[in-house]
């Protein structure tokens, strides 16, 4: 069960409670489901009871208890626990993670991308400043992943090396959707909405007494490290250049993401040498990783909608950190024979690596199979 399907299931439970007369509320259009926070448990959590409590004129925990019974009627949900002020924490059957892994393996790096054109047309404008140009390039990639057609226009003349070194597409005003030039394609009847967006990351001002480092040229970092250095900080934060973006150690978030991906690819090679393939199935104690992989489509949509590639970058770091504990248990040890559990762990590791590679590609960063 994906987060989108789970959101629909929660709304269905609300609708049933309304139909049975236990709740007198307007059924919302959307129920937010996220990985559990501190004090939570299970695979996902939702605050729908807190959202409805005032309109229902009942305490949030009472609303949560009403919904709990209806959610347990769904065979795909194995447990529902009410915590805190009224959060619903949901545990899914193990087959749900297998279905998610199977979906990721089937869709590959396009997992989380829109299945069809959205009909939206977006024009991004940005000044000819290196951080703004790289950010606009990443935002354009994200928007295209969600089916939008995108034009990027520059106020000024970008430096040619921003294309040759940083991989930015400097074709001013070319209409693209997911990398396809639409300027000569008959798109009559496809674009139903249009928007103009200005991309210009501006760090918040610092107090006058605090020394501000002079801007540093990111080009010596090379394409991948430079793009990460410019995209990982939020728009209101100041990039750290040169920083530690080229250092291969755990203090470097980019290294953690690429290393986690490279390890998943190494495990696939090693498993092939041992004569077994990945096969989706239940994997114990991986709830956090499964929840993060399931949340990937929502992250892509949010990053595209709010023009925040940093949101995707941070998500990739979290996925990488949640993947690392799984990897040592993927291959059999010593004389141990490959089992269904090993195949399921390998499939989950492969799915995590696919999400990491797909996310990096949307940031314009390479995901090498070897580090």
Foldseek 3Di string as FASTA:
>chain_A
DFQVVVFVQLLVLVVVCVVVVNFDDDRDPTWDWAQDDPPADAQIKTQVLVVRCVVRVHFSQVSLVSSQVSSCVDQQWDHWDADDRHMTHTHGDLVVLLVLLVVLVVCFLLVLFAPEAPLEEEEEEEEQDLLQQLLVQLLCLLLLSNRYWYFYAYPDDHDPVCCVWQVGDPPHGFIGRNRDGCPPPPCPPRHDYYYYYYGDQAADDDDPVDDDDDDDDLRVVTHALSLCQSQQDWSRHDGDPPPCSPPQDPVHLVNLLLVLLLLLLVVQVVVVVLPDAARATGAPPLSHLSSLLSCLSVQSVVCNVVSRLNSLSVSSSVNSVSSVVLRVPLDDPDPDRDDNNNNNSSSSSNSSSSNSQSSSVSSVHHRDNHD
